[in-house]
Every structure is written in structure tokens, then in C-alpha cells.
Amino acid sequence: MNREHPSLVLTVFVLVATAVLGLVLVWVNIERLDLAYECKQLERELGRRVDLHEKLVVERQYLLSPATLGAQAQRYGLKPPSREQIRVVP
């Protein structure tokens, strides 16, 4: 058969190779879309976390400000220690 119809074998080979390459191309495109979707999700998550970090930094600065600490100390009845309450560690 190979000697009688070499063009038939070549045609079948080309068709099979084309089909395989087409399937590979479709699979690669699906993977590319999946990765693009995952990248977008990760970018959104990163943006949310950056925003949260910025808010937490501002809140930390507010909570550690002298005015806020003074107000909290006054609220809980705290005052500077007396000399007798201070211990010096050598």
C-alpha cells in the first residue's frame, strides 16, 4: 500500500498532524486564559491587601499618637509613676 499510494499516506499524516496541532493550540489557549484569570484575581487580592495595609498603618499611627495614648491613659486612670515606683536595673 505504501508503494502504491504514497500520497494517501502523506495526506493522512498531514491531516493527523494538523488535528493534533489544532488540539494543542486549543489547549494552550485554554491554559493561557486560565492563567490570565488567575493573574487578575491575584492582582485584585494584592490591591485589597495593599489597601488594608495602608489603613492599618494609619490606624496604628493614630493609636500610638501622644494625644490618643494620653486620652486612653486618662480614661483608665493612669498617671506617670512616682519616684518610688521607678526601679533602675544595673
N, C-alpha and C. Protein backbone atom coordinates (compact mmCIF):
# COMPACT_ATOMS: atom_id res chain seq x y z
N MET A 1 0.82 -1.18 0.00
CA MET A 1 0.00 0.00 0.00
C MET A 1 0.87 1.26 0.00
N ASN A 2 1.96 1.24 0.77
CA ASN A 2 2.82 2.41 0.83
C ASN A 2 3.42 2.73 -0.53
N ARG A 3 3.77 1.70 -1.27
CA ARG A 3 4.40 1.93 -2.58
C ARG A 3 3.36 2.33 -3.62
N GLU A 4 2.13 1.87 -3.46
CA GLU A 4 1.10 2.17 -4.45
C GLU A 4 0.50 3.56 -4.26
N HIS A 5 0.30 3.98 -2.98
CA HIS A 5 -0.36 5.25 -2.70
C HIS A 5 0.45 6.07 -1.67
N PRO A 6 1.62 6.52 -2.05
CA PRO A 6 2.40 7.31 -1.08
C PRO A 6 1.73 8.64 -0.75
N SER A 7 0.98 9.18 -1.69
CA SER A 7 0.33 10.46 -1.42
C SER A 7 -0.81 10.30 -0.41
N LEU A 8 -1.45 9.12 -0.37
CA LEU A 8 -2.52 8.87 0.60
C LEU A 8 -1.95 8.84 2.01
N VAL A 9 -0.82 8.17 2.18
CA VAL A 9 -0.18 8.10 3.50
C VAL A 9 0.24 9.49 3.95
N LEU A 10 0.81 10.24 3.05
CA LEU A 10 1.24 11.60 3.36
C LEU A 10 0.04 12.47 3.73
N THR A 11 -1.05 12.32 3.01
CA THR A 11 -2.26 13.10 3.28
C THR A 11 -2.82 12.77 4.66
N VAL A 12 -2.88 11.48 4.98
CA VAL A 12 -3.37 11.06 6.30
C VAL A 12 -2.46 11.60 7.39
N PHE A 13 -1.15 11.51 7.17
CA PHE A 13 -0.20 12.02 8.16
C PHE A 13 -0.39 13.52 8.37
N VAL A 14 -0.53 14.26 7.30
CA VAL A 14 -0.71 15.72 7.40
C VAL A 14 -2.02 16.04 8.12
N LEU A 15 -3.09 15.30 7.83
CA LEU A 15 -4.37 15.54 8.50
C LEU A 15 -4.28 15.25 9.99
N VAL A 16 -3.65 14.13 10.34
CA VAL A 16 -3.49 13.79 11.76
C VAL A 16 -2.62 14.82 12.47
N ALA A 17 -1.53 15.21 11.84
CA ALA A 17 -0.63 16.21 12.44
C ALA A 17 -1.36 17.54 12.61
N THR A 18 -2.15 17.92 11.63
CA THR A 18 -2.92 19.17 11.72
C THR A 18 -3.94 19.10 12.85
N ALA A 19 -4.61 17.97 12.98
CA ALA A 19 -5.59 17.80 14.05
C ALA A 19 -4.92 17.88 15.42
N VAL A 20 -3.78 17.19 15.55
CA VAL A 20 -3.05 17.21 16.83
C VAL A 20 -2.59 18.62 17.15
N LEU A 21 -2.03 19.31 16.18
CA LEU A 21 -1.57 20.68 16.41
C LEU A 21 -2.74 21.61 16.74
N GLY A 22 -3.87 21.39 16.11
CA GLY A 22 -5.06 22.19 16.43
C GLY A 22 -5.51 21.97 17.86
N LEU A 23 -5.52 20.71 18.30
CA LEU A 23 -5.90 20.41 19.69
C LEU A 23 -4.91 21.01 20.68
N VAL A 24 -3.62 20.94 20.35
CA VAL A 24 -2.61 21.54 21.21
C VAL A 24 -2.81 23.04 21.30
N LEU A 25 -3.12 23.67 20.18
CA LEU A 25 -3.35 25.12 20.16
C LEU A 25 -4.55 25.49 21.03
N VAL A 26 -5.62 24.73 20.94
CA VAL A 26 -6.81 24.98 21.76
C VAL A 26 -6.46 24.81 23.24
N TRP A 27 -5.74 23.76 23.58
CA TRP A 27 -5.35 23.52 24.97
C TRP A 27 -4.47 24.65 25.50
N VAL A 28 -3.52 25.11 24.69
CA VAL A 28 -2.63 26.20 25.11
C VAL A 28 -3.44 27.48 25.34
N ASN A 29 -4.41 27.75 24.48
CA ASN A 29 -5.24 28.94 24.66
C ASN A 29 -6.08 28.85 25.93
N ILE A 30 -6.62 27.67 26.22
CA ILE A 30 -7.39 27.49 27.45
C ILE A 30 -6.49 27.72 28.67
N GLU A 31 -5.30 27.16 28.65
CA GLU A 31 -4.36 27.36 29.76
C GLU A 31 -3.99 28.84 29.90
N ARG A 32 -3.80 29.52 28.78
CA ARG A 32 -3.47 30.95 28.81
C ARG A 32 -4.59 31.75 29.44
N LEU A 33 -5.83 31.43 29.08
CA LEU A 33 -6.97 32.12 29.67
C LEU A 33 -7.09 31.85 31.16
N ASP A 34 -6.86 30.59 31.56
CA ASP A 34 -6.88 30.26 32.98
C ASP A 34 -5.83 31.05 33.75
N LEU A 35 -4.63 31.13 33.20
CA LEU A 35 -3.56 31.87 33.87
C LEU A 35 -3.87 33.37 33.91
N ALA A 36 -4.44 33.90 32.85
CA ALA A 36 -4.80 35.33 32.84
C ALA A 36 -5.86 35.61 33.90
N TYR A 37 -6.84 34.73 34.02
CA TYR A 37 -7.88 34.90 35.04
C TYR A 37 -7.28 34.83 36.44
N GLU A 38 -6.40 33.87 36.65
CA GLU A 38 -5.75 33.74 37.96
C GLU A 38 -4.89 34.97 38.27
N CYS A 39 -4.20 35.50 37.28
CA CYS A 39 -3.39 36.72 37.48
C CYS A 39 -4.28 37.89 37.87
N LYS A 40 -5.43 38.03 37.22
CA LYS A 40 -6.35 39.12 37.56
C LYS A 40 -6.84 38.97 39.00
N GLN A 41 -7.17 37.75 39.39
CA GLN A 41 -7.62 37.52 40.77
C GLN A 41 -6.52 37.87 41.75
N LEU A 42 -5.29 37.47 41.47
CA LEU A 42 -4.17 37.77 42.36
C LEU A 42 -3.90 39.27 42.42
N GLU A 43 -4.04 39.96 41.29
CA GLU A 43 -3.85 41.41 41.29
C GLU A 43 -4.91 42.10 42.15
N ARG A 44 -6.17 41.64 42.06
CA ARG A 44 -7.22 42.22 42.89
C ARG A 44 -6.95 41.95 44.37
N GLU A 45 -6.55 40.73 44.68
CA GLU A 45 -6.24 40.38 46.07
C GLU A 45 -5.08 41.22 46.59
N LEU A 46 -4.05 41.39 45.78
CA LEU A 46 -2.92 42.22 46.18
C LEU A 46 -3.37 43.66 46.43
N GLY A 47 -4.21 44.18 45.56
CA GLY A 47 -4.74 45.53 45.75
C GLY A 47 -5.51 45.66 47.05
N ARG A 48 -6.34 44.67 47.35
CA ARG A 48 -7.10 44.69 48.61
C ARG A 48 -6.16 44.66 49.81
N ARG A 49 -5.14 43.84 49.73
CA ARG A 49 -4.20 43.73 50.86
C ARG A 49 -3.36 45.00 51.02
N VAL A 50 -2.98 45.62 49.92
CA VAL A 50 -2.23 46.88 49.99
C VAL A 50 -3.10 47.95 50.63
N ASP A 51 -4.38 48.02 50.22
CA ASP A 51 -5.30 48.99 50.83
C ASP A 51 -5.45 48.75 52.32
N LEU A 52 -5.63 47.49 52.70
CA LEU A 52 -5.77 47.15 54.11
C LEU A 52 -4.51 47.52 54.88
N HIS A 53 -3.35 47.24 54.31
CA HIS A 53 -2.09 47.57 54.97
C HIS A 53 -1.99 49.08 55.20
N GLU A 54 -2.35 49.86 54.19
CA GLU A 54 -2.29 51.31 54.34
C GLU A 54 -3.24 51.79 55.43
N LYS A 55 -4.44 51.23 55.48
CA LYS A 55 -5.39 51.61 56.53
C LYS A 55 -4.87 51.22 57.91
N LEU A 56 -4.27 50.04 58.00
CA LEU A 56 -3.75 49.60 59.30
C LEU A 56 -2.57 50.45 59.75
N VAL A 57 -1.73 50.89 58.83
CA VAL A 57 -0.62 51.78 59.18
C VAL A 57 -1.16 53.09 59.74
N VAL A 58 -2.18 53.64 59.08
CA VAL A 58 -2.78 54.89 59.56
C VAL A 58 -3.40 54.69 60.93
N GLU A 59 -4.12 53.57 61.11
CA GLU A 59 -4.74 53.30 62.41
C GLU A 59 -3.68 53.12 63.50
N ARG A 60 -2.60 52.44 63.18
CA ARG A 60 -1.51 52.26 64.15
C ARG A 60 -0.91 53.61 64.55
N GLN A 61 -0.68 54.46 63.55
CA GLN A 61 -0.14 55.78 63.86
C GLN A 61 -1.09 56.57 64.74
N TYR A 62 -2.38 56.46 64.47
CA TYR A 62 -3.37 57.16 65.29
C TYR A 62 -3.35 56.62 66.71
N LEU A 63 -3.36 55.30 66.85
CA LEU A 63 -3.41 54.70 68.19
C LEU A 63 -2.15 54.97 69.00
N LEU A 64 -1.01 55.13 68.33
CA LEU A 64 0.24 55.39 69.04
C LEU A 64 0.57 56.87 69.17
N SER A 65 -0.33 57.73 68.69
CA SER A 65 -0.06 59.16 68.81
C SER A 65 -0.14 59.57 70.28
N PRO A 66 0.66 60.56 70.68
CA PRO A 66 0.65 61.00 72.08
C PRO A 66 -0.74 61.43 72.56
N ALA A 67 -1.51 62.09 71.72
CA ALA A 67 -2.85 62.54 72.13
C ALA A 67 -3.75 61.35 72.44
N THR A 68 -3.73 60.34 71.56
CA THR A 68 -4.58 59.16 71.78
C THR A 68 -4.12 58.38 73.00
N LEU A 69 -2.81 58.20 73.14
CA LEU A 69 -2.29 57.48 74.31
C LEU A 69 -2.61 58.23 75.59
N GLY A 70 -2.49 59.56 75.56
CA GLY A 70 -2.82 60.35 76.75
C GLY A 70 -4.29 60.23 77.12
N ALA A 71 -5.16 60.25 76.11
CA ALA A 71 -6.60 60.11 76.37
C ALA A 71 -6.91 58.73 76.94
N GLN A 72 -6.29 57.70 76.40
CA GLN A 72 -6.52 56.34 76.92
C GLN A 72 -5.98 56.20 78.35
N ALA A 73 -4.83 56.79 78.61
CA ALA A 73 -4.26 56.72 79.96
C ALA A 73 -5.19 57.43 80.95
N GLN A 74 -5.70 58.57 80.55
CA GLN A 74 -6.62 59.31 81.42
C GLN A 74 -7.90 58.51 81.63
N ARG A 75 -8.39 57.88 80.59
CA ARG A 75 -9.62 57.08 80.68
C ARG A 75 -9.47 55.96 81.70
N TYR A 76 -8.30 55.34 81.73
CA TYR A 76 -8.07 54.22 82.65
C TYR A 76 -7.44 54.66 83.96
N GLY A 77 -7.33 55.94 84.18
CA GLY A 77 -6.81 56.45 85.45
C GLY A 77 -5.31 56.26 85.61
N LEU A 78 -4.58 56.22 84.54
CA LEU A 78 -3.12 56.05 84.63
C LEU A 78 -2.47 57.42 84.75
N LYS A 79 -1.32 57.45 85.44
CA LYS A 79 -0.55 58.68 85.57
C LYS A 79 0.92 58.31 85.59
N PRO A 80 1.80 59.28 85.41
CA PRO A 80 3.23 58.97 85.43
C PRO A 80 3.62 58.35 86.78
N PRO A 81 4.60 57.45 86.79
CA PRO A 81 5.00 56.81 88.04
C PRO A 81 5.70 57.80 88.97
N SER A 82 5.55 57.56 90.26
CA SER A 82 6.29 58.38 91.24
C SER A 82 7.71 57.86 91.33
N ARG A 83 8.58 58.61 91.99
CA ARG A 83 9.99 58.20 92.11
C ARG A 83 10.13 56.85 92.79
N GLU A 84 9.28 56.57 93.76
CA GLU A 84 9.37 55.30 94.50
C GLU A 84 8.99 54.10 93.62
N GLN A 85 8.23 54.34 92.59
CA GLN A 85 7.79 53.24 91.72
C GLN A 85 8.80 52.91 90.62
N ILE A 86 9.80 53.73 90.46
CA ILE A 86 10.78 53.52 89.39
C ILE A 86 11.94 52.69 89.92
N ARG A 87 12.27 51.63 89.22
CA ARG A 87 13.40 50.77 89.58
C ARG A 87 14.45 50.89 88.48
N VAL A 88 15.67 51.13 88.88
CA VAL A 88 16.78 51.21 87.93
C VAL A 88 17.48 49.86 87.94
N VAL A 89 17.60 49.26 86.79
CA VAL A 89 18.26 47.96 86.67
C VAL A 89 19.70 48.21 86.23
N PRO A 90 20.67 47.73 87.04
CA PRO A 90 22.08 47.95 86.68
C PRO A 90 22.53 47.14 85.49
